[in-house]
Protein backbone atom coordinates (compact mmCIF):
# COMPACT_ATOMS: atom_id res chain seq x y z
CA UNK A 1 60.16 -66.47 -42.89
CA UNK A 2 59.26 -66.47 -38.89
CA UNK A 3 59.26 -62.69 -39.04
CA UNK A 4 57.10 -62.81 -42.01
CA UNK A 5 54.62 -65.34 -40.30
CA UNK A 6 54.58 -63.02 -37.08
CA UNK A 7 53.49 -60.09 -39.23
CA UNK A 8 50.69 -61.93 -41.02
CA UNK A 9 49.65 -63.26 -37.47
CA UNK A 10 49.54 -59.82 -35.95
CA UNK A 11 47.69 -58.51 -39.08
CA UNK A 12 45.10 -61.31 -38.74
CA UNK A 13 44.59 -60.58 -35.01
CA UNK A 14 43.81 -56.88 -35.86
CA UNK A 15 41.45 -58.13 -38.54
CA UNK A 16 39.57 -60.13 -35.92
CA UNK A 17 39.73 -57.36 -33.31
CA UNK A 18 38.17 -54.85 -35.82
CA UNK A 19 35.43 -57.53 -36.79
CA UNK A 20 34.52 -58.17 -33.15
CA UNK A 21 34.41 -54.54 -32.09
CA UNK A 22 32.01 -53.83 -35.34
CA UNK A 23 29.95 -56.71 -34.26
CA UNK A 24 30.07 -56.17 -30.63
CA UNK A 25 26.63 -55.07 -30.39
CA UNK A 26 25.10 -57.99 -32.40
CA UNK A 27 27.12 -60.51 -30.14
CA UNK A 28 25.75 -58.91 -27.02
CA UNK A 29 22.40 -59.05 -28.14
CA UNK A 30 22.65 -62.65 -29.57
CA UNK A 31 24.82 -64.26 -26.84
CA UNK A 32 26.94 -65.98 -29.31
CA UNK A 33 30.25 -65.25 -27.38
CA UNK A 34 30.02 -67.85 -24.62
CA UNK A 35 31.93 -70.85 -25.96
CA UNK A 36 34.25 -70.41 -22.90
CA UNK A 37 37.53 -72.30 -22.77
CA UNK A 38 38.70 -72.59 -19.10
CA UNK A 39 39.07 -69.34 -17.27
CA UNK A 40 40.78 -67.00 -19.68
CA UNK A 41 39.66 -67.61 -23.16
CA UNK A 42 36.33 -67.39 -25.08
CA UNK A 43 35.67 -68.99 -28.69
CA UNK A 44 34.01 -66.52 -31.11
CA UNK A 45 32.26 -67.57 -34.19
CA UNK A 46 32.89 -64.85 -37.01
CA UNK A 47 31.17 -65.16 -40.29
CA UNK A 48 32.87 -64.15 -43.64
CA UNK A 49 36.23 -64.37 -42.62
CA UNK A 50 37.95 -67.35 -44.79
CA UNK A 51 41.57 -68.18 -44.30
CA UNK A 52 42.94 -69.88 -47.57
CA UNK A 53 44.90 -72.90 -47.26
CA UNK A 54 46.33 -75.90 -49.24
CA UNK A 55 44.89 -79.38 -48.70
CA UNK A 56 46.89 -82.27 -49.82
CA UNK A 57 45.28 -85.44 -51.23
CA UNK A 58 46.58 -88.77 -50.03
CA UNK A 59 49.55 -90.32 -51.96
CA UNK A 60 48.38 -92.12 -55.34
CA UNK A 61 44.92 -90.75 -55.23
CA UNK A 62 43.67 -89.82 -58.75
CA UNK A 63 42.88 -86.24 -59.16
CA UNK A 64 43.74 -83.13 -61.03
CA UNK A 65 47.00 -83.64 -62.92
CA UNK A 66 47.22 -87.24 -62.52
CA UNK A 67 46.09 -88.43 -65.82
CA UNK A 68 42.70 -88.53 -67.93
CA UNK A 69 40.48 -90.36 -65.61
CA UNK A 70 37.16 -91.39 -66.24
CA UNK A 71 33.67 -89.58 -66.43
CA UNK A 72 32.39 -89.38 -62.96
CA UNK A 73 35.32 -90.43 -61.14
CA UNK A 74 35.57 -88.48 -57.79
CA UNK A 75 38.57 -86.21 -57.60
CA UNK A 76 38.96 -86.38 -53.94
CA UNK A 77 38.33 -88.41 -50.84
CA UNK A 78 34.58 -88.86 -49.86
CA UNK A 79 31.45 -90.33 -51.36
CA UNK A 80 30.41 -89.63 -54.93
CA UNK A 81 26.69 -89.11 -53.77
CA UNK A 82 25.59 -85.52 -53.11
CA UNK A 83 23.03 -84.01 -50.93
CA UNK A 84 19.46 -83.65 -51.71
CA UNK A 85 18.22 -80.68 -53.64
CA UNK A 86 19.34 -78.78 -57.02
CA UNK A 87 22.58 -77.21 -57.49
CA UNK A 88 22.82 -73.37 -56.58
CA UNK A 89 25.20 -70.67 -57.39
CA UNK A 90 25.49 -68.74 -54.15
CA UNK A 91 28.48 -69.14 -52.07
CA UNK A 92 28.16 -70.91 -48.44
CA UNK A 93 28.78 -69.07 -45.47
CA UNK A 94 32.34 -69.59 -44.00
CA UNK A 95 32.52 -69.45 -40.13
CA UNK A 96 35.49 -69.36 -38.41
CA UNK A 97 36.16 -69.72 -34.68
CA UNK A 98 38.74 -67.61 -33.20
CA UNK A 99 39.89 -67.59 -29.66
CA UNK A 100 40.39 -64.22 -27.75
CA UNK A 101 41.69 -63.87 -24.29
CA UNK A 102 39.32 -62.04 -21.75
CA UNK A 103 41.93 -59.43 -21.62
CA UNK A 104 41.62 -58.77 -25.34
CA UNK A 105 37.84 -58.92 -25.20
CA UNK A 106 37.71 -56.53 -22.37
CA UNK A 107 40.05 -54.13 -24.35
CA UNK A 108 37.58 -54.15 -27.30
CA UNK A 109 34.82 -53.64 -24.80
CA UNK A 110 36.30 -50.56 -23.24
CA UNK A 111 37.34 -49.10 -26.76
CA UNK A 112 33.88 -49.72 -28.36
CA UNK A 113 31.74 -48.46 -25.21
CA UNK A 114 34.36 -45.78 -24.42
CA UNK A 115 34.55 -46.93 -20.89
CA UNK A 116 36.93 -44.91 -18.40
CA UNK A 117 39.49 -46.83 -16.34
CA UNK A 118 38.24 -47.46 -12.71
CA UNK A 119 39.97 -45.81 -9.94
CA UNK A 120 39.62 -48.41 -7.06
CA UNK A 121 38.39 -47.13 -3.67
CA UNK A 122 39.23 -47.99 -0.33
CA UNK A 123 41.57 -47.00 2.47
CA UNK A 124 43.90 -49.80 2.29
CA UNK A 125 45.31 -51.97 -0.46
CA UNK A 126 46.22 -55.81 0.09
CA UNK A 127 49.77 -56.41 -0.22
CA UNK A 128 51.14 -59.40 -2.00
CA UNK A 129 54.73 -60.52 -3.17
CA UNK A 130 55.99 -60.76 -6.69
CA UNK A 131 59.31 -62.36 -7.86
CA UNK A 132 61.33 -60.05 -10.07
CA UNK A 133 64.34 -61.09 -11.79
CA UNK A 134 66.89 -58.39 -11.31
CA UNK A 135 70.34 -59.53 -12.42
CA UNK A 136 72.83 -62.66 -12.91
CA UNK A 137 74.32 -64.64 -10.35
CA UNK A 138 77.37 -67.32 -10.35
CA UNK A 139 75.10 -69.76 -8.50
CA UNK A 140 71.53 -70.88 -8.68
CA UNK A 141 69.40 -73.84 -9.64
CA UNK A 142 69.55 -75.31 -13.02
CA UNK A 143 65.89 -74.15 -13.92
CA UNK A 144 67.35 -70.53 -13.76
CA UNK A 145 70.46 -71.01 -15.89
CA UNK A 146 70.95 -68.27 -18.39
CA UNK A 147 72.08 -69.95 -21.73
CA UNK A 148 73.09 -66.71 -23.52
CA UNK A 149 75.01 -65.37 -20.51
CA UNK A 150 76.83 -68.83 -19.97
CA UNK A 151 77.81 -69.05 -23.63
CA UNK A 152 79.04 -65.47 -23.60
CA UNK A 153 81.00 -65.97 -20.54
CA UNK A 154 82.62 -69.18 -22.08
CA UNK A 155 83.42 -67.40 -25.17
CA UNK A 156 85.12 -64.51 -23.37
CA UNK A 157 87.28 -67.12 -21.42
CA UNK A 158 88.13 -69.11 -24.65
CA UNK A 159 89.36 -65.83 -26.26
CA UNK A 160 91.39 -64.75 -23.37
CA UNK A 161 93.02 -68.09 -22.98
CA UNK A 162 93.65 -68.47 -26.59
CA UNK A 163 91.43 -71.44 -26.97
CA UNK A 164 89.17 -70.01 -29.49
CA UNK A 165 89.47 -70.60 -33.27
CA UNK A 166 87.71 -68.68 -36.00
CA UNK A 167 88.46 -71.63 -38.30
CA UNK A 168 86.60 -74.00 -35.80
CA UNK A 169 84.42 -71.54 -33.78
CA UNK A 170 83.21 -73.80 -30.99
CA UNK A 171 82.29 -72.67 -27.68
CA UNK A 172 82.52 -75.34 -24.84
CA UNK A 173 81.20 -73.78 -21.40
CA UNK A 174 82.81 -75.16 -18.22
CA UNK A 175 81.26 -75.18 -14.82
CA UNK A 176 82.88 -71.76 -13.95
CA UNK A 177 81.05 -70.23 -16.98
CA UNK A 178 77.49 -71.05 -15.93
CA UNK A 179 75.35 -68.14 -15.13
CA UNK A 180 72.14 -67.92 -13.47
CA UNK A 181 69.21 -65.36 -13.28
CA UNK A 182 68.77 -63.87 -10.05
CA UNK A 183 65.78 -62.64 -8.18
CA UNK A 184 64.28 -60.81 -5.18
CA UNK A 185 60.90 -60.65 -3.66
CA UNK A 186 59.24 -57.13 -4.11
CA UNK A 187 55.93 -55.99 -2.30
CA UNK A 188 53.19 -55.24 -4.90
CA UNK A 189 49.90 -53.50 -3.82
CA UNK A 190 46.85 -55.61 -4.83
CA UNK A 191 43.38 -54.27 -4.99
CA UNK A 192 40.52 -56.75 -4.61
CA UNK A 193 36.91 -56.49 -5.77
CA UNK A 194 33.65 -58.55 -5.25
CA UNK A 195 30.51 -58.46 -7.44
CA UNK A 196 27.25 -59.39 -5.66
CA UNK A 197 24.73 -60.15 -8.09
CA UNK A 198 21.06 -60.50 -7.15
CA UNK A 199 17.95 -61.56 -9.09
CA UNK A 200 14.42 -61.83 -8.70
CA UNK A 201 13.53 -65.34 -9.51
CA UNK A 202 9.83 -65.23 -8.90
CA UNK A 203 7.28 -66.67 -11.61
CA UNK A 204 7.29 -63.40 -13.66
CA UNK A 205 10.91 -63.70 -14.56
CA UNK A 206 11.07 -66.29 -17.35
CA UNK A 207 13.94 -67.84 -19.31
CA UNK A 208 14.35 -64.95 -21.91
CA UNK A 209 14.76 -62.50 -18.81
CA UNK A 210 17.35 -64.65 -17.30
CA UNK A 211 19.24 -65.06 -20.50
CA UNK A 212 19.50 -61.25 -20.65
CA UNK A 213 20.75 -61.09 -17.04
CA UNK A 214 23.39 -63.83 -18.00
CA UNK A 215 24.85 -61.95 -21.00
CA UNK A 216 24.88 -58.78 -19.21
CA UNK A 217 26.68 -60.19 -16.19
CA UNK A 218 29.22 -61.91 -18.47
CA UNK A 219 30.31 -58.35 -19.80
CA UNK A 220 30.21 -56.87 -16.38
CA UNK A 221 32.71 -59.67 -15.18
CA UNK A 222 34.80 -59.22 -18.28
CA UNK A 223 35.44 -55.47 -17.72
CA UNK A 224 35.88 -55.64 -13.98
CA UNK A 225 38.34 -58.44 -14.32
CA UNK A 226 40.43 -56.33 -16.57
CA UNK A 227 40.49 -53.58 -13.65
CA UNK A 228 41.25 -55.46 -10.75
CA UNK A 229 43.91 -58.18 -9.74
CA UNK A 230 41.41 -60.44 -8.04
CA UNK A 231 37.78 -60.52 -8.65
CA UNK A 232 35.08 -62.60 -6.67
CA UNK A 233 31.51 -63.28 -7.76
CA UNK A 234 28.74 -64.07 -5.33
CA UNK A 235 25.22 -64.79 -6.37
CA UNK A 236 21.96 -64.23 -4.47
CA UNK A 237 18.43 -65.14 -5.85
CA UNK A 238 15.22 -64.03 -4.13
CA UNK A 239 11.51 -64.36 -4.27
CA UNK A 240 9.83 -63.79 -0.98
CA UNK A 241 13.14 -64.93 0.77
CA UNK A 242 16.77 -64.56 -0.36
CA UNK A 243 19.63 -67.31 -0.42
CA UNK A 244 23.09 -67.46 -1.76
CA UNK A 245 23.60 -69.90 -4.60
CA UNK A 246 26.32 -70.90 -7.02
CA UNK A 247 26.63 -69.35 -10.58
CA UNK A 248 24.65 -72.25 -12.35
CA UNK A 249 21.69 -72.25 -9.91
CA UNK A 250 21.56 -68.40 -10.15
CA UNK A 251 20.59 -68.69 -13.88
CA UNK A 252 18.47 -71.61 -13.81
CA UNK A 253 16.26 -71.26 -10.87
CA UNK A 254 12.61 -70.41 -11.11
CA UNK A 255 10.13 -69.79 -8.47
CA UNK A 256 6.55 -69.11 -8.30
CA UNK A 257 6.39 -67.17 -5.00
CA UNK A 258 5.89 -63.54 -4.20
CA UNK A 259 8.86 -60.78 -4.41
CA UNK A 260 10.17 -59.25 -1.26
CA UNK A 261 13.36 -57.49 -2.58
CA UNK A 262 14.62 -56.37 0.90
CA UNK A 263 15.41 -59.76 1.75
CA UNK A 264 18.02 -59.80 -1.08
CA UNK A 265 19.56 -56.57 0.22
CA UNK A 266 19.87 -57.69 3.86
CA UNK A 267 21.51 -60.99 2.58
CA UNK A 268 24.08 -58.85 0.52
CA UNK A 269 24.89 -56.71 3.24
CA UNK A 270 25.44 -59.85 5.68
CA UNK A 271 27.93 -60.88 3.28
CA UNK A 272 29.86 -57.54 3.21
CA UNK A 273 29.98 -57.46 7.09
CA UNK A 274 31.16 -61.19 7.24
CA UNK A 275 33.50 -61.55 4.41
CA UNK A 276 34.07 -58.25 2.54
CA UNK A 277 35.17 -55.36 4.68
CA UNK A 278 34.64 -52.08 2.76
CA UNK A 279 38.12 -50.72 3.89
CA UNK A 280 39.72 -53.68 1.97
CA UNK A 281 37.52 -54.39 -0.79
CA UNK A 282 35.96 -52.80 -3.59
CA UNK A 283 32.47 -53.79 -3.61
CA UNK A 284 29.90 -53.92 -6.62
CA UNK A 285 26.34 -54.98 -6.53
CA UNK A 286 23.87 -55.58 -9.30
CA UNK A 287 20.24 -56.35 -8.96
CA UNK A 288 18.10 -57.67 -11.76
CA UNK A 289 14.20 -57.62 -11.53
CA UNK A 290 11.15 -57.10 -13.29
CA UNK A 291 10.22 -54.29 -11.10
CA UNK A 292 7.45 -55.97 -9.06
CA UNK A 293 7.64 -55.89 -5.29
CA UNK A 294 5.38 -57.27 -2.54
CA UNK A 295 4.41 -53.94 -0.98
CA UNK A 296 4.88 -50.36 -1.20
CA UNK A 297 6.21 -50.62 2.45
CA UNK A 298 8.88 -53.11 1.26
CA UNK A 299 9.93 -50.60 -1.31
CA UNK A 300 10.34 -48.11 1.24
CA UNK A 301 12.47 -50.28 3.36
CA UNK A 302 14.59 -50.95 0.30
CA UNK A 303 14.97 -47.35 -0.23
CA UNK A 304 16.08 -46.64 3.52
CA UNK A 305 18.63 -49.62 3.32
CA UNK A 306 20.13 -48.42 0.08
CA UNK A 307 20.46 -44.88 1.64
CA UNK A 308 21.95 -45.60 5.02
CA UNK A 309 23.67 -48.99 4.71
CA UNK A 310 24.36 -50.22 1.15
CA UNK A 311 25.36 -47.01 -0.98
CA UNK A 312 27.89 -45.79 1.65
CA UNK A 313 30.19 -48.84 1.36
CA UNK A 314 29.90 -49.68 -2.43
CA UNK A 315 31.68 -48.61 -5.43
CA UNK A 316 28.71 -49.00 -7.40
CA UNK A 317 25.12 -50.38 -7.06
CA UNK A 318 23.41 -51.08 -10.28
CA UNK A 319 19.79 -51.82 -10.65
CA UNK A 320 18.71 -53.21 -14.07
CA UNK A 321 15.06 -53.73 -14.70
CA UNK A 322 14.46 -56.26 -17.19
CA UNK A 323 11.08 -55.92 -19.04
CA UNK A 324 8.60 -58.74 -18.51
CA UNK A 325 4.87 -59.10 -19.89
CA UNK A 326 4.05 -59.84 -16.15
CA UNK A 327 5.93 -57.27 -14.32
CA UNK A 328 4.62 -53.77 -13.38
CA UNK A 329 8.10 -52.03 -13.55
CA UNK A 330 7.20 -49.84 -10.60
CA UNK A 331 10.34 -50.37 -8.59
CA UNK A 332 12.38 -48.48 -11.17
CA UNK A 333 10.34 -45.51 -10.88
CA UNK A 334 10.33 -45.56 -7.18
CA UNK A 335 14.16 -45.60 -7.10
CA UNK A 336 14.33 -42.83 -9.67
CA UNK A 337 11.96 -40.68 -7.47
CA UNK A 338 13.97 -41.31 -4.22
CA UNK A 339 17.27 -40.95 -5.52
CA UNK A 340 17.64 -38.09 -7.95
CA UNK A 341 21.42 -37.29 -7.89
CA UNK A 342 23.25 -40.44 -6.18
CA UNK A 343 26.29 -41.14 -7.91
CA UNK A 344 26.86 -44.54 -6.62
CA UNK A 345 23.28 -45.92 -7.77
CA UNK A 346 22.90 -46.54 -11.40
CA UNK A 347 19.46 -47.43 -12.93
CA UNK A 348 19.00 -49.04 -16.23
CA UNK A 349 15.74 -50.17 -18.06
CA UNK A 350 16.57 -53.37 -20.18
CA UNK A 351 13.62 -53.62 -22.76
CA UNK A 352 15.24 -56.64 -24.36
CA UNK A 353 18.37 -58.11 -25.82
CA UNK A 354 19.02 -55.08 -27.99
CA UNK A 355 19.12 -53.02 -24.96
CA UNK A 356 21.99 -54.78 -23.38
CA UNK A 357 24.67 -52.86 -25.01
CA UNK A 358 23.29 -49.61 -23.99
CA UNK A 359 22.73 -50.92 -20.28
CA UNK A 360 26.30 -52.00 -19.98
CA UNK A 361 27.51 -48.59 -21.02
CA UNK A 362 24.95 -47.16 -18.40
CA UNK A 363 26.42 -49.33 -15.75
CA UNK A 364 30.04 -48.93 -16.41
CA UNK A 365 30.43 -45.63 -18.01
CA UNK A 366 31.20 -43.53 -14.90
CA UNK A 367 34.24 -45.46 -14.07
CA UNK A 368 33.51 -46.18 -10.64
């Protein structure tokens, strides 16, 4: 019975994965995937998957098969009165919430977008230690007692001494029979990564533009977490000045000042110099804006900083330009003109929610 249940559960997970994969583009554009539970699980509402189940009525409750009953008598728990409106013949929409781990979600994302695995860069990997259970010992703590090996040893002893009876097959371990799992510490290479998100929060970046950034950064986080042992995320907002903030502030802040993009790049590089040495960290930077900048002079300063300071130390710098009715969109064109064949710089025009799917593939499709 247990094996059959496991098979059914496995089959249902396959159905769910297929459903999520087919609907992935819609989930990205609608932002329906974000009922997060803790750090590792997301709840996903999937319509049109209905699991049949038995529902038992309370004892002694009148119902089907319990006698003739009377006209109008309710056959189950609840009130007799119905809702307003006329009766219909269309089925209701059944929505089932299923939980997927972020690892499963990343696997679906990688398959659907055909994302290549990332080859971490850097001259040195950080080293950690991991406990590996390598054998069986006659000594150890009770928490590592190996019950199967203990009873096998007791059975061998009883057979050897003639204490085992086929008629009464009882196995009684003694202290000398107890076996424990043994372990050793082994060094494990661990590659770390940091994502530095930057966003223009001037008045031209409205709530809709910030929601697009939120959805896109969720998918970037999800994929990169599946590629690295540890992943840190840092957040910078800017108008005419830049400052580091937490995740919540990053998505909710809105200013009314001007826009000086170079201020964000300077702060990002300060974080790298002080906290994330490039020989020890894989560095990703993503900047989201509507394309307005204070002056052509500051745009040229951004180009110089990218070429001389930023691009030499990052795995990837992604600039996503979110379409806004108030932004000119010029910054994207300036970067296209300045960097025609720079592999570590990825540019993406995000016209709306429907473009998130394409933008994610643009950013992550080179496997850097």
